Amino acid sequence: MAQENKICEHIEAIKELKLPLKHECSECVKNGGQWVHLRTCQTCGETLCCDSSPNQHMTKHAHKTGHPVVISAEPGERWLWCYKDESFAEY
């Protein structure tokens, strides 16, 4: 029997998505870095690079600030990720 994917309380608490204002990592732009994919924080709206990117700015942001949930900022991708609970949900 397949294990049921339980959505965590942090993702459940998201009532309105914060969408990216620009398709760029704000930290990479500051220091001339490059990114692979982007994620947008659902607490503050910051858009930063993913773990496949050299600087992994979004993971650093989540750990530093305690902001748990991000969405993919990539066109056509519709999912959320909670760093605290390692929970994934599509929308």
PDB file of N, CA and C in Angstrom:
ATOM      1  N   MET A   1       0.839  -1.176   0.000  1.00  0.00           N
ATOM      2  CA  MET A   1       0.000   0.000   0.000  1.00  0.00           C
ATOM      3  C   MET A   1       0.890   1.248   0.000  1.00  0.00           C
ATOM      4  N   ALA A   2       0.572   2.215  -0.832  1.00  0.00           N
ATOM      5  CA  ALA A   2       1.363   3.450  -0.918  1.00  0.00           C
ATOM      6  C   ALA A   2       1.175   4.294   0.329  1.00  0.00           C
ATOM      7  N   GLN A   3       2.261   4.931   0.757  1.00  0.00           N
ATOM      8  CA  GLN A   3       2.199   5.791   1.930  1.00  0.00           C
ATOM      9  C   GLN A   3       1.541   7.115   1.552  1.00  0.00           C
ATOM     10  N   GLU A   4       0.624   7.569   2.390  1.00  0.00           N
ATOM     11  CA  GLU A   4      -0.078   8.825   2.130  1.00  0.00           C
ATOM     12  C   GLU A   4       0.843  10.002   2.446  1.00  0.00           C
ATOM     13  N   ASN A   5       0.876  10.989   1.549  1.00  0.00           N
ATOM     14  CA  ASN A   5       1.687  12.183   1.755  1.00  0.00           C
ATOM     15  C   ASN A   5       0.868  13.192   2.548  1.00  0.00           C
ATOM     16  N   LYS A   6       1.211  13.370   3.817  1.00  0.00           N
ATOM     17  CA  LYS A   6       0.490  14.297   4.675  1.00  0.00           C
ATOM     18  C   LYS A   6       1.074  15.702   4.515  1.00  0.00           C
ATOM     19  N   ILE A   7       0.220  16.649   4.244  1.00  0.00           N
ATOM     20  CA  ILE A   7       0.661  18.032   4.100  1.00  0.00           C
ATOM     21  C   ILE A   7       0.821  18.634   5.488  1.00  0.00           C
ATOM     22  N   CYS A   8       1.946  19.279   5.722  1.00  0.00           N
ATOM     23  CA  CYS A   8       2.247  19.820   7.042  1.00  0.00           C
ATOM     24  C   CYS A   8       1.422  21.074   7.341  1.00  0.00           C
ATOM     25  N   GLU A   9       1.416  21.454   8.606  1.00  0.00           N
ATOM     26  CA  GLU A   9       0.647  22.619   9.061  1.00  0.00           C
ATOM     27  C   GLU A   9       1.166  23.931   8.459  1.00  0.00           C
ATOM     28  N   HIS A  10       2.457  23.995   8.156  1.00  0.00           N
ATOM     29  CA  HIS A  10       3.011  25.230   7.576  1.00  0.00           C
ATOM     30  C   HIS A  10       2.464  25.462   6.169  1.00  0.00           C
ATOM     31  N   ILE A  11       2.398  24.391   5.376  1.00  0.00           N
ATOM     32  CA  ILE A  11       1.833  24.508   4.029  1.00  0.00           C
ATOM     33  C   ILE A  11       0.329  24.735   4.119  1.00  0.00           C
ATOM     34  N   GLU A  12      -0.343  24.031   5.017  1.00  0.00           N
ATOM     35  CA  GLU A  12      -1.789  24.204   5.198  1.00  0.00           C
ATOM     36  C   GLU A  12      -2.138  25.653   5.554  1.00  0.00           C
ATOM     37  N   ALA A  13      -1.243  26.344   6.259  1.00  0.00           N
ATOM     38  CA  ALA A  13      -1.504  27.715   6.706  1.00  0.00           C
ATOM     39  C   ALA A  13      -1.432  28.736   5.569  1.00  0.00           C
ATOM     40  N   ILE A  14      -0.855  28.373   4.422  1.00  0.00           N
ATOM     41  CA  ILE A  14      -0.737  29.295   3.290  1.00  0.00           C
ATOM     42  C   ILE A  14      -2.116  29.455   2.649  1.00  0.00           C
ATOM     43  N   LYS A  15      -2.646  30.671   2.700  1.00  0.00           N
ATOM     44  CA  LYS A  15      -3.970  30.940   2.130  1.00  0.00           C
ATOM     45  C   LYS A  15      -3.886  31.697   0.810  1.00  0.00           C
ATOM     46  N   GLU A  16      -2.810  32.461   0.626  1.00  0.00           N
ATOM     47  CA  GLU A  16      -2.602  33.223  -0.608  1.00  0.00           C
ATOM     48  C   GLU A  16      -1.118  33.167  -0.954  1.00  0.00           C
ATOM     49  N   LEU A  17      -0.812  32.780  -2.171  1.00  0.00           N
ATOM     50  CA  LEU A  17       0.585  32.644  -2.580  1.00  0.00           C
ATOM     51  C   LEU A  17       1.245  33.984  -2.846  1.00  0.00           C
ATOM     52  N   LYS A  18       2.486  34.090  -2.399  1.00  0.00           N
ATOM     53  CA  LYS A  18       3.339  35.223  -2.748  1.00  0.00           C
ATOM     54  C   LYS A  18       4.094  34.803  -4.001  1.00  0.00           C
ATOM     55  N   LEU A  19       3.829  35.481  -5.098  1.00  0.00           N
ATOM     56  CA  LEU A  19       4.461  35.153  -6.374  1.00  0.00           C
ATOM     57  C   LEU A  19       5.709  35.993  -6.575  1.00  0.00           C
ATOM     58  N   PRO A  20       6.674  35.503  -7.353  1.00  0.00           N
ATOM     59  CA  PRO A  20       7.910  36.271  -7.560  1.00  0.00           C
ATOM     60  C   PRO A  20       7.641  37.582  -8.297  1.00  0.00           C
ATOM     61  N   LEU A  21       8.322  38.644  -7.855  1.00  0.00           N
ATOM     62  CA  LEU A  21       8.207  39.937  -8.521  1.00  0.00           C
ATOM     63  C   LEU A  21       9.126  40.003  -9.732  1.00  0.00           C
ATOM     64  N   LYS A  22      10.283  39.343  -9.626  1.00  0.00           N
ATOM     65  CA  LYS A  22      11.245  39.277 -10.726  1.00  0.00           C
ATOM     66  C   LYS A  22      11.745  37.842 -10.826  1.00  0.00           C
ATOM     67  N   HIS A  23      12.134  37.435 -12.024  1.00  0.00           N
ATOM     68  CA  HIS A  23      12.670  36.084 -12.213  1.00  0.00           C
ATOM     69  C   HIS A  23      14.193  36.136 -12.091  1.00  0.00           C
ATOM     70  N   GLU A  24      14.630  36.375 -10.834  1.00  0.00           N
ATOM     71  CA  GLU A  24      16.060  36.440 -10.543  1.00  0.00           C
ATOM     72  C   GLU A  24      16.286  36.203  -9.056  1.00  0.00           C
ATOM     73  N   CYS A  25      17.460  35.710  -8.712  1.00  0.00           N
ATOM     74  CA  CYS A  25      17.845  35.554  -7.310  1.00  0.00           C
ATOM     75  C   CYS A  25      18.405  36.892  -6.851  1.00  0.00           C
ATOM     76  N   SER A  26      17.755  37.502  -5.884  1.00  0.00           N
ATOM     77  CA  SER A  26      18.189  38.833  -5.443  1.00  0.00           C
ATOM     78  C   SER A  26      19.601  38.827  -4.871  1.00  0.00           C
ATOM     79  N   GLU A  27      20.016  37.733  -4.228  1.00  0.00           N
ATOM     80  CA  GLU A  27      21.376  37.655  -3.677  1.00  0.00           C
ATOM     81  C   GLU A  27      22.409  37.424  -4.776  1.00  0.00           C
ATOM     82  N   CYS A  28      22.104  36.564  -5.743  1.00  0.00           N
ATOM     83  CA  CYS A  28      23.039  36.337  -6.855  1.00  0.00           C
ATOM     84  C   CYS A  28      23.234  37.614  -7.672  1.00  0.00           C
ATOM     85  N   VAL A  29      22.180  38.394  -7.829  1.00  0.00           N
ATOM     86  CA  VAL A  29      22.285  39.655  -8.565  1.00  0.00           C
ATOM     87  C   VAL A  29      23.255  40.588  -7.848  1.00  0.00           C
ATOM     88  N   LYS A  30      23.202  40.629  -6.525  1.00  0.00           N
ATOM     89  CA  LYS A  30      24.088  41.492  -5.729  1.00  0.00           C
ATOM     90  C   LYS A  30      25.560  41.111  -5.884  1.00  0.00           C
ATOM     91  N   ASN A  31      25.839  39.779  -5.910  1.00  0.00           N
ATOM     92  CA  ASN A  31      27.246  39.368  -5.912  1.00  0.00           C
ATOM     93  C   ASN A  31      27.725  38.769  -7.236  1.00  0.00           C
ATOM     94  N   GLY A  32      26.916  38.883  -8.280  1.00  0.00           N
ATOM     95  CA  GLY A  32      27.325  38.401  -9.592  1.00  0.00           C
ATOM     96  C   GLY A  32      27.269  36.887  -9.746  1.00  0.00           C
ATOM     97  N   GLY A  33      26.507  36.224  -8.879  1.00  0.00           N
ATOM     98  CA  GLY A  33      26.386  34.771  -8.943  1.00  0.00           C
ATOM     99  C   GLY A  33      25.412  34.321 -10.018  1.00  0.00           C
ATOM    100  N   GLN A  34      25.344  33.014 -10.210  1.00  0.00           N
ATOM    101  CA  GLN A  34      24.422  32.433 -11.182  1.00  0.00           C
ATOM    102  C   GLN A  34      23.513  31.449 -10.466  1.00  0.00           C
ATOM    103  N   TRP A  35      22.318  31.250 -11.009  1.00  0.00           N
ATOM    104  CA  TRP A  35      21.372  30.328 -10.416  1.00  0.00           C
ATOM    105  C   TRP A  35      20.848  29.350 -11.448  1.00  0.00           C
ATOM    106  N   VAL A  36      20.311  28.243 -10.951  1.00  0.00           N
ATOM    107  CA  VAL A  36      19.716  27.218 -11.799  1.00  0.00           C
ATOM    108  C   VAL A  36      18.202  27.391 -11.803  1.00  0.00           C
ATOM    109  N   HIS A  37      17.582  27.311 -10.626  1.00  0.00           N
ATOM    110  CA  HIS A  37      16.140  27.486 -10.473  1.00  0.00           C
ATOM    111  C   HIS A  37      15.885  28.436  -9.314  1.00  0.00           C
ATOM    112  N   LEU A  38      14.669  28.969  -9.259  1.00  0.00           N
ATOM    113  CA  LEU A  38      14.318  29.948  -8.237  1.00  0.00           C
ATOM    114  C   LEU A  38      13.163  29.473  -7.377  1.00  0.00           C
ATOM    115  N   ARG A  39      13.159  29.942  -6.124  1.00  0.00           N
ATOM    116  CA  ARG A  39      12.104  29.658  -5.157  1.00  0.00           C
ATOM    117  C   ARG A  39      11.680  30.980  -4.519  1.00  0.00           C
ATOM    118  N   THR A  40      10.399  31.096  -4.161  1.00  0.00           N
ATOM    119  CA  THR A  40       9.900  32.311  -3.514  1.00  0.00           C
ATOM    120  C   THR A  40       9.399  31.970  -2.120  1.00  0.00           C
ATOM    121  N   CYS A  41       9.924  32.668  -1.124  1.00  0.00           N
ATOM    122  CA  CYS A  41       9.554  32.483   0.277  1.00  0.00           C
ATOM    123  C   CYS A  41       8.104  32.911   0.471  1.00  0.00           C
ATOM    124  N   GLN A  42       7.340  32.081   1.157  1.00  0.00           N
ATOM    125  CA  GLN A  42       5.939  32.390   1.373  1.00  0.00           C
ATOM    126  C   GLN A  42       5.694  33.157   2.656  1.00  0.00           C
ATOM    127  N   THR A  43       6.744  33.497   3.382  1.00  0.00           N
ATOM    128  CA  THR A  43       6.626  34.368   4.550  1.00  0.00           C
ATOM    129  C   THR A  43       6.908  35.817   4.160  1.00  0.00           C
ATOM    130  N   CYS A  44       8.021  36.049   3.444  1.00  0.00           N
ATOM    131  CA  CYS A  44       8.431  37.431   3.148  1.00  0.00           C
ATOM    132  C   CYS A  44       8.402  37.782   1.664  1.00  0.00           C
ATOM    133  N   GLY A  45       8.254  36.799   0.779  1.00  0.00           N
ATOM    134  CA  GLY A  45       8.191  37.072  -0.654  1.00  0.00           C
ATOM    135  C   GLY A  45       9.528  37.158  -1.366  1.00  0.00           C
ATOM    136  N   GLU A  46      10.618  36.921  -0.664  1.00  0.00           N
ATOM    137  CA  GLU A  46      11.960  36.964  -1.266  1.00  0.00           C
ATOM    138  C   GLU A  46      12.117  35.821  -2.272  1.00  0.00           C
ATOM    139  N   THR A  47      12.699  36.121  -3.439  1.00  0.00           N
ATOM    140  CA  THR A  47      12.966  35.086  -4.440  1.00  0.00           C
ATOM    141  C   THR A  47      14.470  34.861  -4.489  1.00  0.00           C
ATOM    142  N   LEU A  48      14.854  33.592  -4.265  1.00  0.00           N
ATOM    143  CA  LEU A  48      16.264  33.215  -4.188  1.00  0.00           C
ATOM    144  C   LEU A  48      16.491  31.892  -4.909  1.00  0.00           C
ATOM    145  N   CYS A  49      17.766  31.525  -5.083  1.00  0.00           N
ATOM    146  CA  CYS A  49      18.114  30.329  -5.849  1.00  0.00           C
ATOM    147  C   CYS A  49      17.972  29.044  -5.038  1.00  0.00           C
ATOM    148  N   CYS A  50      17.811  27.947  -5.776  1.00  0.00           N
ATOM    149  CA  CYS A  50      17.543  26.622  -5.213  1.00  0.00           C
ATOM    150  C   CYS A  50      18.832  25.899  -4.806  1.00  0.00           C
ATOM    151  N   ASP A  51      18.655  24.676  -4.299  1.00  0.00           N
ATOM    152  CA  ASP A  51      19.802  23.868  -3.867  1.00  0.00           C
ATOM    153  C   ASP A  51      20.662  23.361  -5.016  1.00  0.00           C
ATOM    154  N   SER A  52      20.158  23.358  -6.235  1.00  0.00           N
ATOM    155  CA  SER A  52      20.969  22.971  -7.391  1.00  0.00           C
ATOM    156  C   SER A  52      21.873  24.112  -7.846  1.00  0.00           C
ATOM    157  N   SER A  53      21.633  25.303  -7.329  1.00  0.00           N
ATOM    158  CA  SER A  53      22.436  26.489  -7.657  1.00  0.00           C
ATOM    159  C   SER A  53      23.675  26.530  -6.772  1.00  0.00           C
ATOM    160  N   PRO A  54      24.757  27.129  -7.245  1.00  0.00           N
ATOM    161  CA  PRO A  54      26.007  27.128  -6.473  1.00  0.00           C
ATOM    162  C   PRO A  54      25.891  27.709  -5.062  1.00  0.00           C
ATOM    163  N   ASN A  55      25.090  28.760  -4.880  1.00  0.00           N
ATOM    164  CA  ASN A  55      25.046  29.427  -3.578  1.00  0.00           C
ATOM    165  C   ASN A  55      23.895  29.001  -2.674  1.00  0.00           C
ATOM    166  N   GLN A  56      22.926  28.297  -3.191  1.00  0.00           N
ATOM    167  CA  GLN A  56      21.816  27.761  -2.394  1.00  0.00           C
ATOM    168  C   GLN A  56      21.216  28.808  -1.444  1.00  0.00           C
ATOM    169  N   HIS A  57      20.945  29.984  -1.999  1.00  0.00           N
ATOM    170  CA  HIS A  57      20.480  31.095  -1.165  1.00  0.00           C
ATOM    171  C   HIS A  57      19.152  30.844  -0.452  1.00  0.00           C
ATOM    172  N   MET A  58      18.202  30.126  -1.086  1.00  0.00           N
ATOM    173  CA  MET A  58      16.913  29.939  -0.418  1.00  0.00           C
ATOM    174  C   MET A  58      17.027  29.057   0.809  1.00  0.00           C
ATOM    175  N   THR A  59      17.811  28.004   0.739  1.00  0.00           N
ATOM    176  CA  THR A  59      17.991  27.149   1.913  1.00  0.00           C
ATOM    177  C   THR A  59      18.650  27.940   3.038  1.00  0.00           C
ATOM    178  N   LYS A  60      19.649  28.735   2.715  1.00  0.00           N
ATOM    179  CA  LYS A  60      20.307  29.575   3.725  1.00  0.00           C
ATOM    180  C   LYS A  60      19.300  30.546   4.338  1.00  0.00           C
ATOM    181  N   HIS A  61      18.443  31.142   3.501  1.00  0.00           N
ATOM    182  CA  HIS A  61      17.411  32.071   3.965  1.00  0.00           C
ATOM    183  C   HIS A  61      16.450  31.360   4.928  1.00  0.00           C
ATOM    184  N   ALA A  62      15.984  30.172   4.540  1.00  0.00           N
ATOM    185  CA  ALA A  62      15.036  29.428   5.375  1.00  0.00           C
ATOM    186  C   ALA A  62      15.634  29.107   6.745  1.00  0.00           C
ATOM    187  N   HIS A  63      16.887  28.677   6.769  1.00  0.00           N
ATOM    188  CA  HIS A  63      17.530  28.331   8.035  1.00  0.00           C
ATOM    189  C   HIS A  63      17.816  29.564   8.880  1.00  0.00           C
ATOM    190  N   LYS A  64      18.225  30.646   8.250  1.00  0.00           N
ATOM    191  CA  LYS A  64      18.561  31.868   8.984  1.00  0.00           C
ATOM    192  C   LYS A  64      17.316  32.551   9.553  1.00  0.00           C
ATOM    193  N   THR A  65      16.251  32.603   8.778  1.00  0.00           N
ATOM    194  CA  THR A  65      15.058  33.359   9.180  1.00  0.00           C
ATOM    195  C   THR A  65      13.990  32.512   9.857  1.00  0.00           C
ATOM    196  N   GLY A  66      14.013  31.198   9.621  1.00  0.00           N
ATOM    197  CA  GLY A  66      12.951  30.342  10.131  1.00  0.00           C
ATOM    198  C   GLY A  66      11.702  30.372   9.268  1.00  0.00           C
ATOM    199  N   HIS A  67      11.794  30.969   8.082  1.00  0.00           N
ATOM    200  CA  HIS A  67      10.670  30.981   7.144  1.00  0.00           C
ATOM    201  C   HIS A  67      10.600  29.605   6.489  1.00  0.00           C
ATOM    202  N   PRO A  68       9.564  28.805   6.769  1.00  0.00           N
ATOM    203  CA  PRO A  68       9.594  27.401   6.374  1.00  0.00           C
ATOM    204  C   PRO A  68       9.160  27.057   4.949  1.00  0.00           C
ATOM    205  N   VAL A  69       8.239  27.831   4.350  1.00  0.00           N
ATOM    206  CA  VAL A  69       7.616  27.393   3.104  1.00  0.00           C
ATOM    207  C   VAL A  69       8.031  28.246   1.913  1.00  0.00           C
ATOM    208  N   VAL A  70       8.329  27.561   0.797  1.00  0.00           N
ATOM    209  CA  VAL A  70       8.636  28.230  -0.471  1.00  0.00           C
ATOM    210  C   VAL A  70       7.761  27.624  -1.566  1.00  0.00           C
ATOM    211  N   ILE A  71       7.615  28.385  -2.654  1.00  0.00           N
ATOM    212  CA  ILE A  71       7.033  27.833  -3.873  1.00  0.00           C
ATOM    213  C   ILE A  71       8.105  27.871  -4.948  1.00  0.00           C
ATOM    214  N   SER A  72       7.941  27.034  -5.940  1.00  0.00           N
ATOM    215  CA  SER A  72       8.807  27.128  -7.100  1.00  0.00           C
ATOM    216  C   SER A  72       8.462  28.413  -7.831  1.00  0.00           C
ATOM    217  N   ALA A  73       9.471  29.168  -8.228  1.00  0.00           N
ATOM    218  CA  ALA A  73       9.264  30.393  -8.995  1.00  0.00           C
ATOM    219  C   ALA A  73       9.479  30.129 -10.485  1.00  0.00           C
ATOM    220  N   GLU A  74       9.564  28.851 -10.843  1.00  0.00           N
ATOM    221  CA  GLU A  74       9.783  28.482 -12.241  1.00  0.00           C
ATOM    222  C   GLU A  74       8.449  28.427 -12.993  1.00  0.00           C
ATOM    223  N   PRO A  75       8.400  29.004 -14.201  1.00  0.00           N
ATOM    224  CA  PRO A  75       7.172  28.958 -15.002  1.00  0.00           C
ATOM    225  C   PRO A  75       6.701  27.518 -15.210  1.00  0.00           C
ATOM    226  N   GLY A  76       5.419  27.293 -15.002  1.00  0.00           N
ATOM    227  CA  GLY A  76       4.836  25.977 -15.210  1.00  0.00           C
ATOM    228  C   GLY A  76       4.937  25.037 -14.022  1.00  0.00           C
ATOM    229  N   GLU A  77       5.734  25.358 -13.019  1.00  0.00           N
ATOM    230  CA  GLU A  77       5.837  24.509 -11.825  1.00  0.00           C
ATOM    231  C   GLU A  77       4.890  25.059 -10.763  1.00  0.00           C
ATOM    232  N   ARG A  78       4.109  24.166 -10.147  1.00  0.00           N
ATOM    233  CA  ARG A  78       3.091  24.586  -9.175  1.00  0.00           C
ATOM    234  C   ARG A  78       3.184  23.707  -7.929  1.00  0.00           C
ATOM    235  N   TRP A  79       4.182  24.004  -7.085  1.00  0.00           N
ATOM    236  CA  TRP A  79       4.352  23.226  -5.868  1.00  0.00           C
ATOM    237  C   TRP A  79       4.927  24.074  -4.741  1.00  0.00           C
ATOM    238  N   LEU A  80       4.715  23.564  -3.531  1.00  0.00           N
ATOM    239  CA  LEU A  80       5.235  24.177  -2.308  1.00  0.00           C
ATOM    240  C   LEU A  80       6.139  23.175  -1.604  1.00  0.00           C
ATOM    241  N   TRP A  81       7.111  23.694  -0.855  1.00  0.00           N
ATOM    242  CA  TRP A  81       8.020  22.858  -0.075  1.00  0.00           C
ATOM    243  C   TRP A  81       8.175  23.495   1.302  1.00  0.00           C
ATOM    244  N   CYS A  82       8.115  22.672   2.338  1.00  0.00           N
ATOM    245  CA  CYS A  82       8.355  23.136   3.705  1.00  0.00           C
ATOM    246  C   CYS A  82       9.707  22.603   4.149  1.00  0.00           C
ATOM    247  N   TYR A  83      10.642  23.508   4.429  1.00  0.00           N
ATOM    248  CA  TYR A  83      11.970  23.109   4.885  1.00  0.00           C
ATOM    249  C   TYR A  83      11.904  22.457   6.258  1.00  0.00           C
ATOM    250  N   LYS A  84      11.079  22.993   7.144  1.00  0.00           N
ATOM    251  CA  LYS A  84      11.019  22.489   8.517  1.00  0.00           C
ATOM    252  C   LYS A  84      10.532  21.042   8.570  1.00  0.00           C
ATOM    253  N   ASP A  85       9.469  20.740   7.836  1.00  0.00           N
ATOM    254  CA  ASP A  85       8.873  19.407   7.898  1.00  0.00           C
ATOM    255  C   ASP A  85       9.228  18.512   6.710  1.00  0.00           C
ATOM    256  N   GLU A  86      10.012  19.054   5.763  1.00  0.00           N
ATOM    257  CA  GLU A  86      10.340  18.338   4.522  1.00  0.00           C
ATOM    258  C   GLU A  86       9.072  17.789   3.871  1.00  0.00           C
ATOM    259  N   SER A  87       8.101  18.677   3.746  1.00  0.00           N
ATOM    260  CA  SER A  87       6.795  18.335   3.194  1.00  0.00           C
ATOM    261  C   SER A  87       6.617  19.015   1.833  1.00  0.00           C
ATOM    262  N   PHE A  88       5.999  18.302   0.914  1.00  0.00           N
ATOM    263  CA  PHE A  88       5.799  18.765  -0.456  1.00  0.00           C
ATOM    264  C   PHE A  88       4.320  18.729  -0.783  1.00  0.00           C
ATOM    265  N   ALA A  89       3.845  19.736  -1.531  1.00  0.00           N
ATOM    266  CA  ALA A  89       2.450  19.737  -1.984  1.00  0.00           C
ATOM    267  C   ALA A  89       2.373  20.438  -3.313  1.00  0.00           C
ATOM    268  N   GLU A  90       1.528  19.932  -4.199  1.00  0.00           N
ATOM    269  CA  GLU A  90       1.256  20.590  -5.467  1.00  0.00           C
ATOM    270  C   GLU A  90      -0.002  21.443  -5.304  1.00  0.00           C
ATOM    271  N   TYR A  91      -0.096  22.483  -6.123  1.00  0.00           N
ATOM    272  CA  TYR A  91      -1.322  23.303  -6.080  1.00  0.00           C
ATOM    273  C   TYR A  91      -1.820  23.536  -7.479  1.00  0.00           C
TER     274      TYR A  91
END
